[in-house]
Amino acid sequence: MANILGGIAVSHTPTIGFAVDHHKQQDPAWAPIFQSFEPLQRWLEGEKTGCAGIHL
């Protein structure tokens, strides 16, 4: 049985996807946004999630 950890939401997801697709994570305008995701990424890695559901 699955263990549901919680929900994660981000506004402007299509715009962020554009930035990733165009390798803009280090661009001065985008870097703060991607840096703010780092604690969440570390937490998810520590939880060793088996799957993620994405709702668009």
PDB file of N, CA and C in Angstrom:
ATOM      1  N   MET A   1       0.845  -1.176   0.000  1.00  0.00           N
ATOM      2  CA  MET A   1       0.000   0.000   0.000  1.00  0.00           C
ATOM      3  C   MET A   1       0.895   1.245   0.000  1.00  0.00           C
ATOM      4  N   ALA A   2       0.437   2.272  -0.641  1.00  0.00           N
ATOM      5  CA  ALA A   2       1.196   3.517  -0.763  1.00  0.00           C
ATOM      6  C   ALA A   2       1.161   4.316   0.528  1.00  0.00           C
ATOM      7  N   ASN A   3       2.234   5.026   0.747  1.00  0.00           N
ATOM      8  CA  ASN A   3       2.325   5.973   1.850  1.00  0.00           C
ATOM      9  C   ASN A   3       2.324   7.362   1.229  1.00  0.00           C
ATOM     10  N   ILE A   4       1.239   8.091   1.374  1.00  0.00           N
ATOM     11  CA  ILE A   4       1.124   9.416   0.765  1.00  0.00           C
ATOM     12  C   ILE A   4       1.850  10.422   1.645  1.00  0.00           C
ATOM     13  N   LEU A   5       2.840  11.094   1.050  1.00  0.00           N
ATOM     14  CA  LEU A   5       3.649  12.061   1.781  1.00  0.00           C
ATOM     15  C   LEU A   5       3.013  13.433   1.835  1.00  0.00           C
ATOM     16  N   GLY A   6       2.331  13.830   0.788  1.00  0.00           N
ATOM     17  CA  GLY A   6       1.741  15.158   0.768  1.00  0.00           C
ATOM     18  C   GLY A   6       1.605  15.664  -0.649  1.00  0.00           C
ATOM     19  N   GLY A   7       1.248  16.900  -0.762  1.00  0.00           N
ATOM     20  CA  GLY A   7       1.084  17.522  -2.064  1.00  0.00           C
ATOM     21  C   GLY A   7       2.063  18.667  -2.242  1.00  0.00           C
ATOM     22  N   ILE A   8       2.493  18.846  -3.452  1.00  0.00           N
ATOM     23  CA  ILE A   8       3.434  19.913  -3.787  1.00  0.00           C
ATOM     24  C   ILE A   8       2.831  20.688  -4.954  1.00  0.00           C
ATOM     25  N   ALA A   9       2.777  21.990  -4.834  1.00  0.00           N
ATOM     26  CA  ALA A   9       2.212  22.813  -5.901  1.00  0.00           C
ATOM     27  C   ALA A   9       3.166  23.957  -6.240  1.00  0.00           C
ATOM     28  N   VAL A  10       3.208  24.291  -7.503  1.00  0.00           N
ATOM     29  CA  VAL A  10       4.053  25.384  -7.983  1.00  0.00           C
ATOM     30  C   VAL A  10       3.253  26.164  -9.017  1.00  0.00           C
ATOM     31  N   SER A  11       3.241  27.473  -8.885  1.00  0.00           N
ATOM     32  CA  SER A  11       2.574  28.283  -9.899  1.00  0.00           C
ATOM     33  C   SER A  11       3.510  28.498 -11.089  1.00  0.00           C
ATOM     34  N   HIS A  12       2.968  28.850 -12.192  1.00  0.00           N
ATOM     35  CA  HIS A  12       3.719  29.156 -13.416  1.00  0.00           C
ATOM     36  C   HIS A  12       4.517  27.955 -13.923  1.00  0.00           C
ATOM     37  N   THR A  13       3.976  26.750 -13.735  1.00  0.00           N
ATOM     38  CA  THR A  13       4.683  25.535 -14.133  1.00  0.00           C
ATOM     39  C   THR A  13       5.092  25.540 -15.611  1.00  0.00           C
ATOM     40  N   PRO A  14       4.249  25.965 -16.560  1.00  0.00           N
ATOM     41  CA  PRO A  14       4.700  25.969 -17.958  1.00  0.00           C
ATOM     42  C   PRO A  14       5.910  26.877 -18.185  1.00  0.00           C
ATOM     43  N   THR A  15       5.954  27.998 -17.514  1.00  0.00           N
ATOM     44  CA  THR A  15       7.084  28.916 -17.670  1.00  0.00           C
ATOM     45  C   THR A  15       8.352  28.303 -17.099  1.00  0.00           C
ATOM     46  N   ILE A  16       8.232  27.633 -15.963  1.00  0.00           N
ATOM     47  CA  ILE A  16       9.390  26.971 -15.360  1.00  0.00           C
ATOM     48  C   ILE A  16       9.861  25.840 -16.269  1.00  0.00           C
ATOM     49  N   GLY A  17       8.927  25.110 -16.859  1.00  0.00           N
ATOM     50  CA  GLY A  17       9.288  24.061 -17.808  1.00  0.00           C
ATOM     51  C   GLY A  17      10.045  24.616 -19.004  1.00  0.00           C
ATOM     52  N   PHE A  18       9.627  25.780 -19.486  1.00  0.00           N
ATOM     53  CA  PHE A  18      10.344  26.443 -20.581  1.00  0.00           C
ATOM     54  C   PHE A  18      11.782  26.733 -20.171  1.00  0.00           C
ATOM     55  N   ALA A  19      11.968  27.243 -18.958  1.00  0.00           N
ATOM     56  CA  ALA A  19      13.314  27.565 -18.477  1.00  0.00           C
ATOM     57  C   ALA A  19      14.185  26.313 -18.412  1.00  0.00           C
ATOM     58  N   VAL A  20      13.619  25.202 -17.951  1.00  0.00           N
ATOM     59  CA  VAL A  20      14.375  23.946 -17.888  1.00  0.00           C
ATOM     60  C   VAL A  20      14.728  23.482 -19.299  1.00  0.00           C
ATOM     61  N   ASP A  21      13.753  23.501 -20.194  1.00  0.00           N
ATOM     62  CA  ASP A  21      13.988  23.055 -21.568  1.00  0.00           C
ATOM     63  C   ASP A  21      15.088  23.856 -22.254  1.00  0.00           C
ATOM     64  N   HIS A  22      15.235  25.123 -21.861  1.00  0.00           N
ATOM     65  CA  HIS A  22      16.233  25.992 -22.486  1.00  0.00           C
ATOM     66  C   HIS A  22      17.457  26.209 -21.594  1.00  0.00           C
ATOM     67  N   HIS A  23      17.628  25.329 -20.611  1.00  0.00           N
ATOM     68  CA  HIS A  23      18.817  25.316 -19.737  1.00  0.00           C
ATOM     69  C   HIS A  23      19.087  26.671 -19.089  1.00  0.00           C
ATOM     70  N   LYS A  24      18.051  27.279 -18.544  1.00  0.00           N
ATOM     71  CA  LYS A  24      18.173  28.602 -17.939  1.00  0.00           C
ATOM     72  C   LYS A  24      18.233  28.555 -16.408  1.00  0.00           C
ATOM     73  N   GLN A  25      18.496  27.379 -15.829  1.00  0.00           N
ATOM     74  CA  GLN A  25      18.502  27.260 -14.376  1.00  0.00           C
ATOM     75  C   GLN A  25      19.550  28.151 -13.708  1.00  0.00           C
ATOM     76  N   GLN A  26      20.635  28.466 -14.394  1.00  0.00           N
ATOM     77  CA  GLN A  26      21.686  29.313 -13.828  1.00  0.00           C
ATOM     78  C   GLN A  26      21.564  30.778 -14.258  1.00  0.00           C
ATOM     79  N   ASP A  27      20.611  31.083 -15.112  1.00  0.00           N
ATOM     80  CA  ASP A  27      20.378  32.457 -15.558  1.00  0.00           C
ATOM     81  C   ASP A  27      20.003  33.311 -14.343  1.00  0.00           C
ATOM     82  N   PRO A  28      20.554  34.523 -14.228  1.00  0.00           N
ATOM     83  CA  PRO A  28      20.269  35.361 -13.054  1.00  0.00           C
ATOM     84  C   PRO A  28      18.783  35.566 -12.764  1.00  0.00           C
ATOM     85  N   ALA A  29      17.962  35.607 -13.793  1.00  0.00           N
ATOM     86  CA  ALA A  29      16.527  35.796 -13.574  1.00  0.00           C
ATOM     87  C   ALA A  29      15.860  34.526 -13.044  1.00  0.00           C
ATOM     88  N   TRP A  30      16.401  33.366 -13.386  1.00  0.00           N
ATOM     89  CA  TRP A  30      15.788  32.090 -13.018  1.00  0.00           C
ATOM     90  C   TRP A  30      16.440  31.407 -11.825  1.00  0.00           C
ATOM     91  N   ALA A  31      17.710  31.661 -11.584  1.00  0.00           N
ATOM     92  CA  ALA A  31      18.450  30.937 -10.540  1.00  0.00           C
ATOM     93  C   ALA A  31      17.761  30.955  -9.174  1.00  0.00           C
ATOM     94  N   PRO A  32      17.236  32.091  -8.698  1.00  0.00           N
ATOM     95  CA  PRO A  32      16.590  32.073  -7.376  1.00  0.00           C
ATOM     96  C   PRO A  32      15.402  31.114  -7.294  1.00  0.00           C
ATOM     97  N   ILE A  33      14.678  30.982  -8.378  1.00  0.00           N
ATOM     98  CA  ILE A  33      13.530  30.071  -8.381  1.00  0.00           C
ATOM     99  C   ILE A  33      14.008  28.634  -8.239  1.00  0.00           C
ATOM    100  N   PHE A  34      15.005  28.256  -9.029  1.00  0.00           N
ATOM    101  CA  PHE A  34      15.500  26.885  -8.974  1.00  0.00           C
ATOM    102  C   PHE A  34      16.230  26.604  -7.665  1.00  0.00           C
ATOM    103  N   GLN A  35      16.897  27.594  -7.107  1.00  0.00           N
ATOM    104  CA  GLN A  35      17.546  27.411  -5.805  1.00  0.00           C
ATOM    105  C   GLN A  35      16.507  27.168  -4.714  1.00  0.00           C
ATOM    106  N   SER A  36      15.341  27.772  -4.845  1.00  0.00           N
ATOM    107  CA  SER A  36      14.305  27.579  -3.826  1.00  0.00           C
ATOM    108  C   SER A  36      13.746  26.156  -3.846  1.00  0.00           C
ATOM    109  N   PHE A  37      13.929  25.428  -4.943  1.00  0.00           N
ATOM    110  CA  PHE A  37      13.477  24.038  -5.025  1.00  0.00           C
ATOM    111  C   PHE A  37      14.455  23.062  -4.372  1.00  0.00           C
ATOM    112  N   GLU A  38      15.701  23.479  -4.125  1.00  0.00           N
ATOM    113  CA  GLU A  38      16.734  22.566  -3.643  1.00  0.00           C
ATOM    114  C   GLU A  38      16.385  21.881  -2.319  1.00  0.00           C
ATOM    115  N   PRO A  39      15.854  22.582  -1.304  1.00  0.00           N
ATOM    116  CA  PRO A  39      15.496  21.867  -0.064  1.00  0.00           C
ATOM    117  C   PRO A  39      14.441  20.783  -0.298  1.00  0.00           C
ATOM    118  N   LEU A  40      13.487  21.062  -1.153  1.00  0.00           N
ATOM    119  CA  LEU A  40      12.457  20.076  -1.465  1.00  0.00           C
ATOM    120  C   LEU A  40      13.060  18.874  -2.184  1.00  0.00           C
ATOM    121  N   GLN A  41      13.973  19.130  -3.120  1.00  0.00           N
ATOM    122  CA  GLN A  41      14.619  18.031  -3.833  1.00  0.00           C
ATOM    123  C   GLN A  41      15.394  17.140  -2.867  1.00  0.00           C
ATOM    124  N   ARG A  42      16.115  17.752  -1.925  1.00  0.00           N
ATOM    125  CA  ARG A  42      16.865  16.964  -0.934  1.00  0.00           C
ATOM    126  C   ARG A  42      15.919  16.140  -0.067  1.00  0.00           C
ATOM    127  N   TRP A  43      14.806  16.734   0.340  1.00  0.00           N
ATOM    128  CA  TRP A  43      13.841  16.023   1.164  1.00  0.00           C
ATOM    129  C   TRP A  43      13.257  14.828   0.413  1.00  0.00           C
ATOM    130  N   LEU A  44      12.868  15.048  -0.842  1.00  0.00           N
ATOM    131  CA  LEU A  44      12.309  13.954  -1.634  1.00  0.00           C
ATOM    132  C   LEU A  44      13.323  12.830  -1.827  1.00  0.00           C
ATOM    133  N   GLU A  45      14.590  13.183  -2.050  1.00  0.00           N
ATOM    134  CA  GLU A  45      15.625  12.163  -2.185  1.00  0.00           C
ATOM    135  C   GLU A  45      15.749  11.349  -0.900  1.00  0.00           C
ATOM    136  N   GLY A  46      15.661  12.009   0.237  1.00  0.00           N
ATOM    137  CA  GLY A  46      15.750  11.327   1.518  1.00  0.00           C
ATOM    138  C   GLY A  46      14.575  10.412   1.786  1.00  0.00           C
ATOM    139  N   GLU A  47      13.409  10.748   1.245  1.00  0.00           N
ATOM    140  CA  GLU A  47      12.214   9.932   1.435  1.00  0.00           C
ATOM    141  C   GLU A  47      12.188   8.717   0.513  1.00  0.00           C
ATOM    142  N   LYS A  48      13.042   8.719  -0.489  1.00  0.00           N
ATOM    143  CA  LYS A  48      13.117   7.617  -1.452  1.00  0.00           C
ATOM    144  C   LYS A  48      11.729   7.259  -2.003  1.00  0.00           C
ATOM    145  N   THR A  49      11.097   8.243  -2.575  1.00  0.00           N
ATOM    146  CA  THR A  49       9.758   8.036  -3.124  1.00  0.00           C
ATOM    147  C   THR A  49       9.782   6.995  -4.238  1.00  0.00           C
ATOM    148  N   GLY A  50       8.760   6.162  -4.286  1.00  0.00           N
ATOM    149  CA  GLY A  50       8.660   5.128  -5.308  1.00  0.00           C
ATOM    150  C   GLY A  50       7.985   5.624  -6.571  1.00  0.00           C
ATOM    151  N   CYS A  51       7.138   6.619  -6.440  1.00  0.00           N
ATOM    152  CA  CYS A  51       6.460   7.170  -7.604  1.00  0.00           C
ATOM    153  C   CYS A  51       5.950   8.565  -7.259  1.00  0.00           C
ATOM    154  N   ALA A  52       5.612   9.280  -8.284  1.00  0.00           N
ATOM    155  CA  ALA A  52       5.051  10.620  -8.107  1.00  0.00           C
ATOM    156  C   ALA A  52       3.898  10.767  -9.082  1.00  0.00           C
ATOM    157  N   GLY A  53       2.814  11.336  -8.612  1.00  0.00           N
ATOM    158  CA  GLY A  53       1.688  11.618  -9.488  1.00  0.00           C
ATOM    159  C   GLY A  53       1.706  13.087  -9.862  1.00  0.00           C
ATOM    160  N   ILE A  54       1.451  13.367 -11.104  1.00  0.00           N
ATOM    161  CA  ILE A  54       1.474  14.748 -11.584  1.00  0.00           C
ATOM    162  C   ILE A  54       0.103  15.088 -12.146  1.00  0.00           C
ATOM    163  N   HIS A  55      -0.453  16.163 -11.676  1.00  0.00           N
ATOM    164  CA  HIS A  55      -1.760  16.626 -12.146  1.00  0.00           C
ATOM    165  C   HIS A  55      -1.554  17.990 -12.790  1.00  0.00           C
ATOM    166  N   LEU A  56      -1.888  18.105 -14.047  1.00  0.00           N
ATOM    167  CA  LEU A  56      -1.724  19.385 -14.752  1.00  0.00           C
ATOM    168  C   LEU A  56      -3.048  20.064 -14.908  1.00  0.00           C
TER     169      LEU A  56
END
